[in-house]
Amino acid sequence: MSAQRLTDNDPLEIPAFETIPSNGTVREETGSHETEAQKTLKPTAKCFALMGAKGGVGTTSLSVQLAYSFSSENRNSLKSGSAIKNPRVCLIDLDFGTGSCAHHLDLSPGLTLQDLTRRPQDVDRAFMAALVSTHQSGIDLLAAPNSLLGNERVNPETVTAMLDVTSQLYDYLVIDVPRIWRPWNAAAIMGADRFAIVTEPSVPALHLARREIEEIEALCDMTEPCDVILNRYERRAFRNSLREKDAARALGRDITATLCIDVNTLTEASNCGVPAGVINSDARYVKDVRILTTRWLESLNTAQHIAA
């Protein structure tokens, strides 16, 4: 990239991307292990999966706030006081090595590695209902304690069975997908109504995001193209900063949503063990996530109307 100073009207030069073709396909072979309950009950949850283009782009903070945003929508439709007793939103952390959803909510995980090594056919609704932890904000959490080799010790087919059954228990699922590819990533992505890569407005992060999107879309039989969420984006133009149109050109696709920089709100939220919306419902970041929530729900409702 040229070191020449740019004016506001000059286009930002983005280095060319090298595309690596992928000829593989991914299929999860879990049908032979399904119980009769899993075969007869159909998923009812609207499922949203998020994955970071790289570490530290704010995927977990977004997953927590997105779950809270859906929970708030659900609470408005329930009678007063019933939302906490009957939460219908579940946040799922699929990184059993370094996942941090439980830490962000200051909850003790209900899952254990022993649970994740069970036979897939032993996973049913009663079993899964006993493994979630409930946050005071109305979010249920499905997560396991961190373990150095946790991702290597679990049974991928059991994880997939858990996703299948959990989708029958809730109105909304928000899944924090591991950045390092795991055998169950494809099942979570392919089963989601919307899947998004979370990145930030920097050239290295955009390089990684574009490469990952191309490979994931080649590997997974996705019904919808991958969404892109540009986190820590400042809408005010600064000299030599990436603008949304620069990022879109680098990625080769439109940006689904931009989320502002709001360090104070997010830091306080993580230190207090609550979603950002609990700290400040009028914060710019919270409003940005609320816009994303509405946009995704409207797109699903439109798709269902067209299908009907």
Protein backbone atom coordinates (compact mmCIF):
# COMPACT_ATOMS: atom_id res chain seq x y z
CA MET A 1 0.00 0.00 0.00
CA SER A 2 1.32 3.46 -0.86
CA ALA A 3 2.52 5.61 2.00
CA GLN A 4 1.37 8.75 0.16
CA ARG A 5 -1.04 10.89 2.17
CA LEU A 6 -4.63 10.57 0.94
CA THR A 7 -7.32 13.17 0.64
CA ASP A 8 -10.93 12.41 1.63
CA ASN A 9 -11.87 11.87 -2.01
CA ASP A 10 -9.01 9.56 -2.91
CA PRO A 11 -9.84 5.84 -3.06
CA LEU A 12 -7.91 3.71 -0.59
CA GLU A 13 -5.72 1.15 -2.32
CA ILE A 14 -6.37 -2.36 -1.05
CA PRO A 15 -3.76 -5.06 -1.78
CA ALA A 16 -4.90 -7.79 -4.12
CA PHE A 17 -6.13 -11.00 -2.54
CA GLU A 18 -4.89 -14.39 -3.56
CA THR A 19 -7.71 -16.87 -3.85
CA ILE A 20 -7.11 -20.49 -2.92
CA PRO A 21 -9.73 -22.75 -4.47
CA SER A 22 -11.32 -25.41 -2.35
CA ASN A 23 -12.86 -28.50 -3.89
CA GLY A 24 -13.99 -30.23 -0.71
CA THR A 25 -17.46 -30.58 0.67
CA VAL A 26 -18.51 -31.11 4.24
CA ARG A 27 -21.31 -33.33 5.41
CA GLU A 28 -22.07 -34.27 8.98
CA GLU A 29 -22.86 -37.98 9.22
CA THR A 30 -25.12 -37.96 12.27
CA GLY A 31 -28.37 -39.40 11.00
CA SER A 32 -27.62 -42.96 12.11
CA HIS A 33 -27.22 -41.77 15.71
CA GLU A 34 -30.45 -39.80 16.00
CA THR A 35 -33.01 -40.89 18.59
CA GLU A 36 -36.65 -41.28 17.67
CA ALA A 37 -37.35 -37.96 19.42
CA GLN A 38 -34.72 -36.21 17.32
CA LYS A 39 -36.18 -37.66 14.15
CA THR A 40 -39.78 -36.66 14.88
CA LEU A 41 -39.26 -33.23 16.44
CA LYS A 42 -38.37 -30.42 14.08
CA PRO A 43 -36.20 -27.40 14.96
CA THR A 44 -38.24 -24.41 16.07
CA ALA A 45 -35.47 -21.93 16.89
CA LYS A 46 -34.26 -19.14 14.67
CA CYS A 47 -30.52 -19.76 14.67
CA PHE A 48 -27.75 -17.18 14.26
CA ALA A 49 -24.08 -18.23 14.16
CA LEU A 50 -21.09 -15.90 14.49
CA MET A 51 -17.40 -16.53 13.88
CA GLY A 52 -14.47 -14.12 14.21
CA ALA A 53 -12.16 -13.55 11.27
CA LYS A 54 -9.37 -13.43 13.83
CA GLY A 55 -9.03 -13.31 17.58
CA GLY A 56 -9.98 -10.16 19.43
CA VAL A 57 -12.51 -8.71 16.98
CA GLY A 58 -15.33 -8.77 19.55
CA THR A 59 -17.26 -11.87 18.48
CA THR A 60 -18.13 -13.03 21.99
CA SER A 61 -19.25 -9.58 23.16
CA LEU A 62 -21.47 -9.38 20.09
CA SER A 63 -22.86 -12.89 20.66
CA VAL A 64 -23.79 -11.99 24.23
CA GLN A 65 -25.46 -8.71 23.26
CA LEU A 66 -27.21 -10.29 20.28
CA ALA A 67 -28.69 -12.97 22.57
CA TYR A 68 -29.80 -10.24 24.98
CA SER A 69 -31.38 -8.31 22.14
CA PHE A 70 -33.41 -11.36 21.11
CA SER A 71 -34.27 -11.99 24.76
CA SER A 72 -35.59 -8.44 25.08
CA GLU A 73 -37.79 -8.97 22.03
CA ASN A 74 -39.05 -12.21 23.58
CA ARG A 75 -39.67 -10.59 26.97
CA ASN A 76 -41.89 -7.97 25.37
CA SER A 77 -44.12 -10.74 24.01
CA LEU A 78 -44.46 -12.57 27.34
CA LYS A 79 -46.42 -11.73 30.46
CA SER A 80 -44.62 -9.68 33.08
CA GLY A 81 -42.26 -11.77 35.19
CA SER A 82 -42.40 -14.91 33.03
CA ALA A 83 -39.35 -14.21 30.85
CA ILE A 84 -36.85 -15.03 33.58
CA LYS A 85 -38.64 -18.26 34.54
CA ASN A 86 -39.12 -19.38 30.95
CA PRO A 87 -36.21 -18.03 28.89
CA ARG A 88 -36.52 -18.80 25.21
CA VAL A 89 -33.09 -17.62 24.07
CA CYS A 90 -29.96 -19.75 24.31
CA LEU A 91 -26.38 -18.63 23.80
CA ILE A 92 -24.13 -21.55 22.82
CA ASP A 93 -20.35 -21.47 23.13
CA LEU A 94 -18.86 -24.14 20.86
CA ASP A 95 -15.24 -23.46 21.81
CA PHE A 96 -14.48 -25.90 24.62
CA GLY A 97 -10.84 -24.84 24.87
CA THR A 98 -10.81 -21.05 25.02
CA GLY A 99 -14.47 -19.99 24.82
CA SER A 100 -15.37 -17.03 27.01
CA CYS A 101 -19.17 -16.64 26.90
CA ALA A 102 -19.45 -17.90 30.50
CA HIS A 103 -16.83 -15.41 31.63
CA HIS A 104 -18.64 -12.53 29.92
CA LEU A 105 -21.82 -13.44 31.80
CA ASP A 106 -20.11 -14.48 35.05
CA LEU A 107 -21.88 -17.85 34.96
CA SER A 108 -20.73 -21.33 35.89
CA PRO A 109 -20.99 -23.55 32.79
CA GLY A 110 -23.51 -26.37 33.07
CA LEU A 111 -21.82 -28.65 30.56
CA THR A 112 -18.86 -30.88 31.35
CA LEU A 113 -16.43 -32.65 29.07
CA GLN A 114 -17.98 -35.91 30.26
CA ASP A 115 -21.35 -34.73 28.92
CA LEU A 116 -19.69 -34.02 25.58
CA THR A 117 -18.33 -37.55 25.29
CA ARG A 118 -21.70 -39.28 25.74
CA ARG A 119 -23.28 -41.31 22.98
CA PRO A 120 -25.23 -39.04 20.60
CA GLN A 121 -28.34 -41.21 21.01
CA ASP A 122 -28.38 -40.40 24.75
CA VAL A 123 -28.95 -36.70 24.07
CA ASP A 124 -32.60 -35.71 24.51
CA ARG A 125 -34.64 -32.70 25.58
CA ALA A 126 -34.59 -33.46 29.31
CA PHE A 127 -30.83 -34.02 29.23
CA MET A 128 -30.17 -30.70 27.47
CA ALA A 129 -32.60 -28.72 29.64
CA ALA A 130 -30.61 -29.78 32.71
CA LEU A 131 -27.29 -28.55 31.29
CA VAL A 132 -28.02 -24.87 30.66
CA SER A 133 -27.16 -22.03 33.02
CA THR A 134 -29.61 -19.13 33.24
CA HIS A 135 -28.47 -15.52 33.46
CA GLN A 136 -30.46 -12.87 35.32
CA SER A 137 -31.02 -11.03 32.03
CA GLY A 138 -33.11 -13.91 30.67
CA ILE A 139 -30.44 -15.62 28.56
CA ASP A 140 -29.76 -19.33 28.85
CA LEU A 141 -26.13 -20.38 28.33
CA LEU A 142 -24.83 -23.69 27.05
CA ALA A 143 -21.09 -23.86 27.64
CA ALA A 144 -18.38 -26.04 29.17
CA PRO A 145 -15.43 -25.08 31.40
CA ASN A 146 -12.27 -24.26 29.47
CA SER A 147 -9.83 -27.14 29.05
CA LEU A 148 -6.52 -27.04 27.20
CA LEU A 149 -7.45 -30.11 25.14
CA GLY A 150 -11.21 -29.73 25.44
CA ASN A 151 -11.87 -29.48 21.72
CA GLU A 152 -9.89 -32.65 21.08
CA ARG A 153 -11.62 -34.69 23.79
CA VAL A 154 -15.27 -34.17 22.90
CA ASN A 155 -17.30 -36.34 20.53
CA PRO A 156 -18.20 -34.20 17.47
CA GLU A 157 -21.36 -36.25 16.87
CA THR A 158 -22.50 -35.56 20.43
CA VAL A 159 -21.99 -31.83 19.92
CA THR A 160 -24.07 -31.99 16.73
CA ALA A 161 -26.82 -33.93 18.54
CA MET A 162 -26.87 -31.28 21.26
CA LEU A 163 -27.34 -28.57 18.65
CA ASP A 164 -30.21 -30.52 17.09
CA VAL A 165 -32.05 -30.99 20.39
CA THR A 166 -31.41 -27.46 21.67
CA SER A 167 -32.95 -26.06 18.49
CA GLN A 168 -36.21 -27.73 19.57
CA LEU A 169 -36.26 -25.99 22.97
CA TYR A 170 -35.88 -22.31 22.14
CA ASP A 171 -37.18 -19.48 20.01
CA TYR A 172 -33.67 -18.18 19.29
CA LEU A 173 -30.19 -19.66 19.31
CA VAL A 174 -27.02 -17.55 19.12
CA ILE A 175 -23.94 -19.67 18.49
CA ASP A 176 -20.38 -18.49 19.09
CA VAL A 177 -18.49 -20.66 16.57
CA PRO A 178 -14.76 -21.39 17.20
CA ARG A 179 -12.36 -19.44 15.00
CA ILE A 180 -10.11 -22.50 14.69
CA TRP A 181 -12.02 -24.97 12.51
CA ARG A 182 -13.57 -27.88 14.39
CA PRO A 183 -15.59 -30.85 13.09
CA TRP A 184 -18.82 -29.35 14.45
CA ASN A 185 -18.33 -25.91 12.86
CA ALA A 186 -19.91 -27.04 9.59
CA ALA A 187 -23.00 -28.38 11.40
CA ALA A 188 -23.50 -25.08 13.24
CA ILE A 189 -22.98 -22.99 10.11
CA MET A 190 -25.15 -25.13 7.84
CA GLY A 191 -27.92 -25.30 10.44
CA ALA A 192 -28.01 -21.55 11.05
CA ASP A 193 -30.60 -19.28 9.48
CA ARG A 194 -27.93 -16.57 9.27
CA PHE A 195 -24.17 -16.99 9.56
CA ALA A 196 -21.81 -14.03 9.87
CA ILE A 197 -18.08 -13.44 9.94
CA VAL A 198 -17.13 -10.71 12.41
CA THR A 199 -14.16 -8.58 11.42
CA GLU A 200 -12.75 -5.10 11.94
CA PRO A 201 -11.73 -2.27 9.59
CA SER A 202 -8.08 -3.18 9.12
CA VAL A 203 -6.40 -4.63 6.05
CA PRO A 204 -5.07 -7.79 7.84
CA ALA A 205 -8.52 -8.54 9.30
CA LEU A 206 -10.18 -8.05 5.92
CA HIS A 207 -7.64 -10.35 4.26
CA LEU A 208 -8.49 -13.07 6.77
CA ALA A 209 -12.23 -12.48 6.52
CA ARG A 210 -12.30 -12.75 2.73
CA ARG A 211 -10.23 -15.93 2.73
CA GLU A 212 -12.38 -17.55 5.41
CA ILE A 213 -15.63 -16.57 3.72
CA GLU A 214 -14.50 -18.04 0.38
CA GLU A 215 -13.44 -21.31 1.97
CA ILE A 216 -16.49 -21.66 4.23
CA GLU A 217 -18.92 -20.99 1.38
CA ALA A 218 -17.07 -23.61 -0.70
CA LEU A 219 -17.07 -26.17 2.12
CA CYS A 220 -20.58 -25.72 3.46
CA ASP A 221 -23.86 -26.10 1.64
CA MET A 222 -25.23 -22.77 2.87
CA THR A 223 -28.76 -21.69 1.99
CA GLU A 224 -27.77 -18.02 2.33
CA PRO A 225 -24.45 -16.28 1.61
CA CYS A 226 -22.24 -15.41 4.54
CA ASP A 227 -22.95 -12.07 6.19
CA VAL A 228 -20.16 -9.70 7.21
CA ILE A 229 -20.28 -7.62 10.39
CA LEU A 230 -17.74 -4.82 10.59
CA ASN A 231 -17.05 -4.22 14.27
CA ARG A 232 -15.27 -1.21 15.82
CA TYR A 233 -16.14 0.93 12.87
CA GLU A 234 -16.04 4.69 13.31
CA ARG A 235 -18.45 6.42 10.96
CA ARG A 236 -16.63 9.72 11.20
CA ALA A 237 -13.95 9.80 8.50
CA PHE A 238 -10.36 10.01 9.69
CA ARG A 239 -7.39 10.43 7.40
CA ASN A 240 -6.02 7.07 6.17
CA SER A 241 -8.83 5.15 7.93
CA LEU A 242 -10.78 2.45 6.14
CA ARG A 243 -14.25 3.48 5.07
CA GLU A 244 -17.16 1.09 4.67
CA LYS A 245 -16.94 1.18 0.87
CA ASP A 246 -13.20 0.37 1.10
CA ALA A 247 -13.94 -2.65 3.28
CA ALA A 248 -16.74 -3.80 0.97
CA ARG A 249 -14.44 -3.57 -2.03
CA ALA A 250 -11.73 -5.52 -0.20
CA LEU A 251 -14.20 -8.25 0.78
CA GLY A 252 -15.88 -8.41 -2.61
CA ARG A 253 -19.34 -8.08 -1.03
CA ASP A 254 -21.55 -5.67 0.87
CA ILE A 255 -21.23 -5.18 4.61
CA THR A 256 -24.28 -6.51 6.44
CA ALA A 257 -23.87 -4.28 9.49
CA THR A 258 -21.39 -1.93 11.12
CA LEU A 259 -20.94 -1.68 14.89
CA CYS A 260 -19.42 1.39 16.46
CA ILE A 261 -16.47 1.64 18.82
CA ASP A 262 -17.78 1.70 22.41
CA VAL A 263 -14.94 0.62 24.67
CA ASN A 264 -16.39 2.04 27.89
CA THR A 265 -19.76 0.29 27.66
CA LEU A 266 -18.30 -3.07 26.60
CA THR A 267 -15.55 -2.99 29.25
CA GLU A 268 -18.03 -2.22 32.01
CA ALA A 269 -20.38 -4.93 30.75
CA SER A 270 -17.70 -7.64 30.72
CA ASN A 271 -16.41 -6.58 34.16
CA CYS A 272 -19.95 -6.70 35.59
CA GLY A 273 -20.84 -10.00 33.88
CA VAL A 274 -23.82 -8.62 31.98
CA PRO A 275 -24.69 -7.81 28.34
CA ALA A 276 -23.90 -4.29 27.17
CA GLY A 277 -27.63 -3.55 26.93
CA VAL A 278 -27.98 -3.93 30.69
CA ILE A 279 -25.31 -1.28 31.27
CA ASN A 280 -26.74 1.26 28.84
CA SER A 281 -29.70 0.51 26.63
CA ASP A 282 -29.12 3.76 24.74
CA ALA A 283 -25.43 3.18 23.99
CA ARG A 284 -24.50 3.47 20.33
CA TYR A 285 -23.17 -0.10 20.26
CA VAL A 286 -26.40 -1.45 21.75
CA LYS A 287 -28.45 0.46 19.19
CA ASP A 288 -26.26 -0.90 16.37
CA VAL A 289 -26.83 -4.48 17.56
CA ARG A 290 -30.54 -3.78 17.85
CA ILE A 291 -30.56 -2.65 14.21
CA LEU A 292 -28.78 -5.88 13.21
CA THR A 293 -31.31 -7.92 15.22
CA THR A 294 -34.23 -6.23 13.47
CA ARG A 295 -32.63 -6.58 10.04
CA TRP A 296 -32.03 -10.31 10.48
CA LEU A 297 -35.51 -10.99 11.81
CA GLU A 298 -37.10 -9.03 8.97
CA SER A 299 -35.07 -10.97 6.41
CA LEU A 300 -36.21 -14.29 7.92
CA ASN A 301 -39.84 -13.18 8.08
CA THR A 302 -39.67 -12.07 4.45
CA ALA A 303 -38.13 -15.39 3.41
CA GLN A 304 -40.85 -17.31 5.28
CA HIS A 305 -43.56 -15.20 3.66
CA ILE A 306 -42.14 -15.84 0.19
CA ALA A 307 -41.84 -19.59 0.91
CA ALA A 308 -45.46 -19.70 2.07
